[in-house]
Amino acid sequence: MNRIICIIMVLLSLSACSKDTVAPDPIPTPQETMYFPPLTGTAWETKSISDLKWNQNAVQPLLDYLELKKSKSFIILVNGRIVLENYFNNHTVTTNWYWASAGKTLTSTVTGIAQQEGLLNINNKVSDYLGMGWTSETSTQENQITCKHLLTMTSGLDDTTEEVNPENLIYKDDAGKRWAYHNVYVKLQDVVAKASKQTWENYFNTKLRDKIGMNGTWVQLGPNSVYTSTTRSMARFGLLMLNKGKWENNTILNEAFFNEATITSQNINLGYGYLWWLNGKSSYHLPQSQLTFQGSIIPTGPTDMFMALGKNDQKIYIIPSKKMVVIRMGDAADNVNLALSDFDKTLWEKINSLYE
């Protein structure tokens, strides 16, 4: 009996000892903090390819492709730090270049800022701010169009002309019934100006540009006011949106509007938010087309990526899962295009080679 008790005691002792000596769960590696460059000056932290354990051999083929495709600049940020920054064809870090329709996302963001300040409501009629007669539609048709319809490209106005004068804004369908890529979104700039009792540019500069250290200005290019800036300024905006509208501890755009802006905004073009393109959806539409294309906009790109895409391949790609922002400025890689081109697909094959 005593022997049995001793055996039990030994077994209990060994069991307790084994519990005490089990290796603790490994301490998770702390995520690298997000970096924001100073608002003034040229300082910007970097991160090397080797630090990230990326493939150095994939860098030169990527840069060769960018140069071949008439790029002027290219930046990759990870956690806000510059991993690659390259300039081509006499472009420099201080050279301004036009954003084209990638700048639509600036208009979306500033509209959201004006709403959070209580100056406007995107669900209100455009005519509440601009008055009646801003289109050639009947009053009943015009009063259907809300600011949100302009954000989502569903105004129903005829998209066969780029002009946005009243005589060119002609009824095509009821608001909300048709998705069509159209310059009429610029009327949101007029809405913000009216609501804020300031010029569009002044409100933009004080509420967005200056708060994140961007440079740049709006210039008239054809019927549109187009933003021009350095590539780093485009990267600053991308970094702001990677962080859901926050710059360090300052909320520039509230997260609620950011979330609305970067998800499918209507049920016609699943690949479109509030003037942002969305990758990874089951279908999408293209500019100047009423066709529905199946699959992801950029099948080689990350599925959680959202994008600002401008004429002739001006690009802001934002990838939350990788804490990454990618910027490309330049001339059209191949043919003139409004937003998307085959360049996107091949470019992402090259970028993927860096870390796959």
Protein backbone atom coordinates (compact mmCIF):
# COMPACT_ATOMS: atom_id res chain seq x y z
CA MET A 1 0.00 0.00 0.00
CA ASN A 2 2.79 2.37 0.95
CA ARG A 3 4.51 1.48 -2.32
CA ILE A 4 1.40 2.35 -4.33
CA ILE A 5 1.11 5.67 -2.53
CA CYS A 6 4.78 6.41 -3.27
CA ILE A 7 4.28 5.62 -6.97
CA ILE A 8 1.23 7.90 -7.10
CA MET A 9 3.20 10.67 -5.39
CA VAL A 10 6.06 10.32 -7.86
CA LEU A 11 3.68 10.42 -10.83
CA LEU A 12 1.96 13.50 -9.48
CA SER A 13 5.33 15.11 -8.92
CA LEU A 14 6.46 14.36 -12.48
CA SER A 15 3.17 15.69 -13.84
CA ALA A 16 3.55 18.94 -11.94
CA CYS A 17 7.16 19.23 -13.02
CA SER A 18 6.25 18.71 -16.69
CA LYS A 19 3.64 21.45 -16.44
CA ASP A 20 6.17 23.82 -14.96
CA THR A 21 8.73 23.12 -17.66
CA VAL A 22 6.47 23.48 -20.74
CA ALA A 23 8.00 26.14 -22.98
CA PRO A 24 5.96 29.35 -22.84
CA ASP A 25 4.19 30.58 -25.96
CA PRO A 26 6.62 32.55 -28.09
CA ILE A 27 6.40 36.29 -27.61
CA PRO A 28 4.90 37.74 -30.79
CA THR A 29 7.21 39.98 -32.73
CA PRO A 30 5.93 43.52 -32.28
CA GLN A 31 4.69 45.04 -35.49
CA GLU A 32 6.80 47.88 -36.81
CA THR A 33 5.25 51.21 -35.98
CA MET A 34 3.72 53.26 -38.77
CA TYR A 35 5.96 56.13 -39.85
CA PHE A 36 4.79 59.56 -40.98
CA PRO A 37 7.32 61.93 -42.56
CA PRO A 38 7.61 65.44 -41.09
CA LEU A 39 5.28 68.04 -42.57
CA THR A 40 8.23 70.14 -43.76
CA GLY A 41 11.66 69.34 -45.11
CA THR A 42 12.90 66.37 -47.11
CA ALA A 43 13.48 63.81 -44.34
CA TRP A 44 11.74 60.47 -44.93
CA GLU A 45 12.75 57.21 -43.28
CA THR A 46 13.64 54.28 -45.50
CA LYS A 47 13.49 50.51 -45.27
CA SER A 48 15.81 48.33 -47.32
CA ILE A 49 14.86 45.38 -49.50
CA SER A 50 17.15 43.18 -47.37
CA ASP A 51 15.51 44.37 -44.12
CA LEU A 52 12.17 43.23 -45.51
CA LYS A 53 13.73 39.98 -46.74
CA TRP A 54 12.43 40.73 -50.21
CA ASN A 55 14.03 39.49 -53.41
CA GLN A 56 16.76 41.89 -54.49
CA ASN A 57 17.02 40.13 -57.85
CA ALA A 58 13.47 41.21 -58.70
CA VAL A 59 14.21 44.93 -58.31
CA GLN A 60 16.02 45.61 -61.57
CA PRO A 61 13.47 43.83 -63.81
CA LEU A 62 10.76 45.97 -62.15
CA LEU A 63 12.70 49.20 -62.73
CA ASP A 64 13.52 48.21 -66.31
CA TYR A 65 9.84 47.62 -66.99
CA LEU A 66 8.86 50.95 -65.46
CA GLU A 67 11.39 52.81 -67.58
CA LEU A 68 10.37 50.92 -70.72
CA LYS A 69 6.75 51.89 -70.07
CA LYS A 70 7.45 55.65 -69.97
CA SER A 71 7.27 56.05 -66.21
CA LYS A 72 8.55 59.24 -64.62
CA SER A 73 8.50 58.17 -60.98
CA PHE A 74 7.80 55.19 -58.76
CA ILE A 75 7.58 54.78 -54.99
CA ILE A 76 6.83 51.87 -52.67
CA LEU A 77 6.10 52.60 -49.01
CA VAL A 78 5.84 49.91 -46.33
CA ASN A 79 4.60 51.11 -42.94
CA GLY A 80 5.18 54.61 -44.28
CA ARG A 81 8.88 54.08 -44.98
CA ILE A 82 10.35 54.35 -48.47
CA VAL A 83 11.46 50.97 -49.81
CA LEU A 84 11.88 52.00 -53.45
CA GLU A 85 11.98 55.52 -54.89
CA ASN A 86 13.03 55.89 -58.49
CA TYR A 87 12.85 58.62 -61.12
CA PHE A 88 13.15 58.28 -64.88
CA ASN A 89 13.39 60.44 -68.00
CA ASN A 90 14.71 63.60 -66.29
CA HIS A 91 11.93 63.59 -63.66
CA THR A 92 13.14 64.40 -60.12
CA VAL A 93 11.94 64.32 -56.54
CA THR A 94 10.94 68.01 -56.83
CA THR A 95 9.18 67.81 -60.22
CA ASN A 96 5.40 68.27 -60.27
CA TRP A 97 3.22 66.05 -62.45
CA TYR A 98 -0.52 65.83 -63.01
CA TRP A 99 -2.65 63.30 -61.13
CA ALA A 100 -5.40 63.22 -63.79
CA SER A 101 -8.38 61.22 -62.52
CA ALA A 102 -6.37 59.82 -59.62
CA GLY A 103 -7.20 63.23 -58.15
CA LYS A 104 -10.89 62.27 -58.02
CA THR A 105 -10.03 60.67 -54.67
CA LEU A 106 -8.90 64.08 -53.38
CA THR A 107 -12.37 65.40 -54.17
CA SER A 108 -13.97 62.43 -52.42
CA THR A 109 -11.81 62.95 -49.34
CA VAL A 110 -12.46 66.69 -49.06
CA THR A 111 -16.18 66.10 -49.54
CA GLY A 112 -16.00 63.75 -46.56
CA ILE A 113 -14.12 66.37 -44.53
CA ALA A 114 -16.78 68.97 -45.32
CA GLN A 115 -19.49 66.54 -44.21
CA GLN A 116 -17.77 65.78 -40.90
CA GLU A 117 -17.57 69.52 -40.27
CA GLY A 118 -21.33 69.75 -40.76
CA LEU A 119 -21.11 71.87 -43.90
CA LEU A 120 -22.92 69.41 -46.16
CA ASN A 121 -24.60 66.03 -46.25
CA ILE A 122 -23.83 63.72 -49.16
CA ASN A 123 -27.43 62.44 -49.09
CA ASN A 124 -28.74 65.92 -49.85
CA LYS A 125 -29.63 67.08 -53.35
CA VAL A 126 -26.88 68.81 -55.33
CA SER A 127 -29.39 71.56 -56.07
CA ASP A 128 -29.59 72.30 -52.32
CA TYR A 129 -26.10 73.77 -52.67
CA LEU A 130 -25.85 74.87 -56.30
CA GLY A 131 -29.46 75.94 -56.86
CA MET A 132 -31.73 74.73 -59.64
CA GLY A 133 -30.54 74.74 -63.23
CA TRP A 134 -27.07 73.30 -62.80
CA THR A 135 -28.08 70.71 -65.44
CA SER A 136 -30.37 70.73 -68.49
CA GLU A 137 -32.72 68.25 -66.85
CA THR A 138 -36.24 68.96 -65.70
CA SER A 139 -36.54 70.07 -62.09
CA THR A 140 -37.93 66.66 -61.14
CA GLN A 141 -35.01 64.83 -62.77
CA GLU A 142 -32.41 67.22 -61.37
CA ASN A 143 -33.79 66.99 -57.85
CA GLN A 144 -33.16 63.25 -57.87
CA ILE A 145 -29.39 63.78 -58.00
CA THR A 146 -27.67 63.79 -54.62
CA CYS A 147 -24.04 64.47 -53.79
CA LYS A 148 -23.70 60.73 -53.19
CA HIS A 149 -24.74 60.08 -56.78
CA LEU A 150 -21.79 62.23 -57.89
CA LEU A 151 -19.46 60.32 -55.56
CA THR A 152 -20.59 57.00 -56.98
CA MET A 153 -20.82 57.98 -60.68
CA THR A 154 -24.55 57.25 -60.74
CA SER A 155 -25.98 60.69 -61.57
CA GLY A 156 -27.74 59.33 -64.67
CA LEU A 157 -26.36 62.20 -66.76
CA ASP A 158 -25.16 61.62 -70.32
CA ASP A 159 -21.47 60.69 -70.27
CA THR A 160 -20.72 61.23 -73.98
CA THR A 161 -19.10 64.63 -73.36
CA GLU A 162 -16.48 65.72 -70.84
CA GLU A 163 -17.97 69.21 -70.51
CA VAL A 164 -19.85 69.99 -67.31
CA ASN A 165 -21.69 73.17 -68.27
CA PRO A 166 -25.49 72.99 -67.76
CA GLU A 167 -26.15 72.63 -71.48
CA ASN A 168 -23.90 69.54 -71.56
CA LEU A 169 -25.42 67.85 -68.51
CA ILE A 170 -28.26 66.01 -70.20
CA TYR A 171 -30.63 63.37 -68.82
CA LYS A 172 -29.79 59.78 -69.73
CA ASP A 173 -31.46 57.85 -66.91
CA ASP A 174 -32.81 58.40 -63.43
CA ALA A 175 -30.18 59.00 -60.77
CA GLY A 176 -29.01 55.74 -59.22
CA LYS A 177 -30.04 53.60 -62.18
CA ARG A 178 -26.88 53.79 -64.29
CA TRP A 179 -23.14 53.81 -63.55
CA ALA A 180 -21.11 55.94 -65.96
CA TYR A 181 -17.64 57.43 -65.51
CA HIS A 182 -18.23 61.16 -65.94
CA ASN A 183 -16.58 64.50 -65.21
CA VAL A 184 -19.73 65.70 -63.45
CA TYR A 185 -18.11 64.64 -60.16
CA VAL A 186 -16.26 68.01 -60.23
CA LYS A 187 -19.54 69.64 -59.23
CA LEU A 188 -18.71 68.34 -55.76
CA GLN A 189 -15.92 70.92 -55.69
CA ASP A 190 -18.54 73.61 -56.32
CA VAL A 191 -20.71 72.12 -53.57
CA VAL A 192 -17.82 72.25 -51.08
CA ALA A 193 -17.00 75.84 -52.09
CA LYS A 194 -20.62 76.95 -51.66
CA ALA A 195 -21.06 75.10 -48.39
CA SER A 196 -17.79 76.36 -46.88
CA LYS A 197 -18.07 79.90 -48.30
CA GLN A 198 -14.47 79.54 -49.52
CA THR A 199 -12.83 78.75 -52.81
CA TRP A 200 -12.39 75.04 -53.44
CA GLU A 201 -8.61 75.37 -53.49
CA ASN A 202 -8.44 77.31 -50.23
CA TYR A 203 -10.62 74.77 -48.42
CA PHE A 204 -8.63 71.89 -49.93
CA ASN A 205 -5.29 73.43 -48.92
CA THR A 206 -6.24 74.18 -45.32
CA LYS A 207 -8.21 71.00 -44.61
CA LEU A 208 -6.10 68.41 -46.42
CA ARG A 209 -2.98 69.47 -48.29
CA ASP A 210 -1.24 71.46 -45.57
CA LYS A 211 -2.21 69.05 -42.79
CA ILE A 212 -0.21 66.19 -44.31
CA GLY A 213 2.67 68.18 -45.80
CA MET A 214 1.73 67.87 -49.47
CA ASN A 215 2.77 70.39 -52.08
CA GLY A 216 0.87 71.04 -55.28
CA THR A 217 -1.85 73.09 -56.90
CA TRP A 218 -4.99 72.76 -59.01
CA VAL A 219 -4.59 73.75 -62.65
CA GLN A 220 -7.19 74.02 -65.39
CA LEU A 221 -6.71 71.28 -67.97
CA GLY A 222 -9.52 71.21 -70.52
CA PRO A 223 -12.90 71.22 -68.76
CA ASN A 224 -11.39 69.96 -65.50
CA SER A 225 -9.38 71.35 -62.64
CA VAL A 226 -6.53 68.83 -62.29
CA TYR A 227 -4.17 68.44 -59.35
CA THR A 228 -0.40 68.52 -59.85
CA SER A 229 2.25 67.69 -57.26
CA THR A 230 5.46 65.83 -56.59
CA THR A 231 5.41 62.05 -56.41
CA ARG A 232 6.17 62.20 -52.69
CA SER A 233 3.07 64.32 -52.16
CA MET A 234 1.00 61.67 -53.90
CA ALA A 235 2.64 59.15 -51.58
CA ARG A 236 1.70 61.27 -48.54
CA PHE A 237 -1.95 61.13 -49.57
CA GLY A 238 -1.69 57.39 -50.09
CA LEU A 239 -0.21 57.04 -46.61
CA LEU A 240 -3.07 59.04 -45.11
CA MET A 241 -5.60 56.71 -46.72
CA LEU A 242 -3.64 53.60 -45.72
CA ASN A 243 -4.21 54.84 -42.17
CA LYS A 244 -7.95 55.35 -42.70
CA GLY A 245 -7.79 59.13 -42.74
CA LYS A 246 -5.43 59.62 -39.80
CA TRP A 247 -2.04 61.34 -39.94
CA GLU A 248 -0.16 60.28 -36.81
CA ASN A 249 -2.64 61.15 -34.04
CA ASN A 250 -4.64 63.66 -36.09
CA THR A 251 -7.90 62.64 -37.72
CA ILE A 252 -8.08 64.37 -41.09
CA LEU A 253 -10.98 62.29 -42.43
CA ASN A 254 -13.17 60.33 -40.06
CA GLU A 255 -13.03 56.57 -40.32
CA ALA A 256 -16.75 56.19 -40.94
CA PHE A 257 -16.56 58.12 -44.22
CA PHE A 258 -13.29 56.39 -45.15
CA ASN A 259 -15.00 53.01 -44.72
CA GLU A 260 -17.94 54.07 -46.90
CA ALA A 261 -15.61 55.45 -49.55
CA THR A 262 -13.56 52.26 -49.93
CA ILE A 263 -16.29 49.63 -50.22
CA THR A 264 -18.73 48.96 -53.05
CA SER A 265 -20.97 52.02 -53.16
CA GLN A 266 -23.81 50.80 -55.42
CA ASN A 267 -24.90 47.53 -57.01
CA ILE A 268 -24.02 48.30 -60.64
CA ASN A 269 -20.22 48.59 -60.58
CA LEU A 270 -19.01 46.47 -57.68
CA GLY A 271 -15.46 47.70 -58.24
CA TYR A 272 -16.23 51.32 -57.35
CA GLY A 273 -16.53 53.20 -54.06
CA TYR A 274 -16.65 56.97 -53.62
CA LEU A 275 -14.41 57.81 -56.60
CA TRP A 276 -12.06 54.98 -55.52
CA TRP A 277 -11.53 51.81 -57.59
CA LEU A 278 -11.75 48.56 -55.63
CA ASN A 279 -9.85 45.40 -56.47
CA GLY A 280 -10.92 41.86 -55.63
CA LYS A 281 -14.64 42.17 -56.44
CA SER A 282 -16.57 39.64 -58.47
CA SER A 283 -17.23 42.07 -61.34
CA TYR A 284 -16.62 45.65 -62.47
CA HIS A 285 -17.35 48.25 -65.15
CA LEU A 286 -14.87 50.33 -67.14
CA PRO A 287 -15.04 53.99 -68.21
CA GLN A 288 -17.12 54.63 -71.34
CA SER A 289 -18.69 51.20 -71.17
CA GLN A 290 -21.94 49.74 -69.88
CA LEU A 291 -20.58 46.20 -70.01
CA THR A 292 -20.07 44.16 -66.87
CA PHE A 293 -16.70 42.42 -66.73
CA GLN A 294 -16.36 39.37 -64.50
CA GLY A 295 -13.56 38.99 -61.98
CA SER A 296 -11.15 41.34 -60.26
CA ILE A 297 -10.08 44.61 -61.90
CA ILE A 298 -6.38 43.71 -61.53
CA PRO A 299 -6.27 39.92 -61.14
CA THR A 300 -2.56 39.94 -60.35
CA GLY A 301 -2.98 42.55 -57.59
CA PRO A 302 -3.91 42.01 -53.93
CA THR A 303 -7.63 41.46 -53.43
CA ASP A 304 -7.89 44.05 -50.64
CA MET A 305 -6.27 46.78 -52.73
CA PHE A 306 -8.10 50.04 -53.39
CA MET A 307 -6.87 52.45 -56.01
CA ALA A 308 -6.79 55.96 -57.40
CA LEU A 309 -6.39 55.55 -61.16
CA GLY A 310 -5.80 58.42 -63.55
CA LYS A 311 -5.53 58.97 -67.26
CA ASN A 312 -2.33 57.71 -68.86
CA ASP A 313 -1.45 55.48 -65.91
CA GLN A 314 -1.23 57.78 -62.92
CA LYS A 315 -1.57 55.32 -60.04
CA ILE A 316 -2.05 55.16 -56.29
CA TYR A 317 -2.36 51.58 -55.08
CA ILE A 318 -3.12 51.06 -51.36
CA ILE A 319 -2.82 47.57 -49.86
CA PRO A 320 -3.93 47.44 -46.20
CA SER A 321 -2.91 43.78 -45.67
CA LYS A 322 0.68 44.60 -46.61
CA LYS A 323 0.74 48.08 -45.01
CA MET A 324 1.88 49.19 -48.45
CA VAL A 325 1.39 52.17 -50.78
CA VAL A 326 2.58 52.11 -54.40
CA ILE A 327 2.79 55.24 -56.58
CA ARG A 328 3.43 55.52 -60.32
CA MET A 329 3.47 58.74 -62.36
CA GLY A 330 4.34 59.14 -66.01
CA ASP A 331 3.13 59.11 -69.58
CA ALA A 332 0.76 56.44 -70.87
CA ALA A 333 2.52 53.09 -70.64
CA ASP A 334 1.03 52.00 -73.94
CA ASN A 335 -2.03 53.68 -75.41
CA VAL A 336 -3.94 56.65 -74.02
CA ASN A 337 -6.40 55.39 -71.40
CA LEU A 338 -8.78 56.92 -68.86
CA ALA A 339 -7.96 54.79 -65.82
CA LEU A 340 -7.13 51.12 -66.36
CA SER A 341 -4.77 49.44 -68.81
CA ASP A 342 -2.88 46.17 -69.30
CA PHE A 343 0.05 47.93 -67.64
CA ASP A 344 -1.57 47.36 -64.22
CA LYS A 345 -1.61 43.58 -64.65
CA THR A 346 2.03 43.26 -65.69
CA LEU A 347 3.24 45.84 -63.18
CA TRP A 348 1.72 43.81 -60.35
CA GLU A 349 3.37 40.65 -61.62
CA LYS A 350 6.69 42.50 -61.29
CA ILE A 351 5.83 43.88 -57.83
CA ASN A 352 4.74 40.44 -56.62
CA SER A 353 8.15 39.07 -57.58
CA LEU A 354 9.68 41.29 -54.91
CA TYR A 355 8.16 39.38 -52.03
CA GLU A 356 6.73 36.08 -53.29
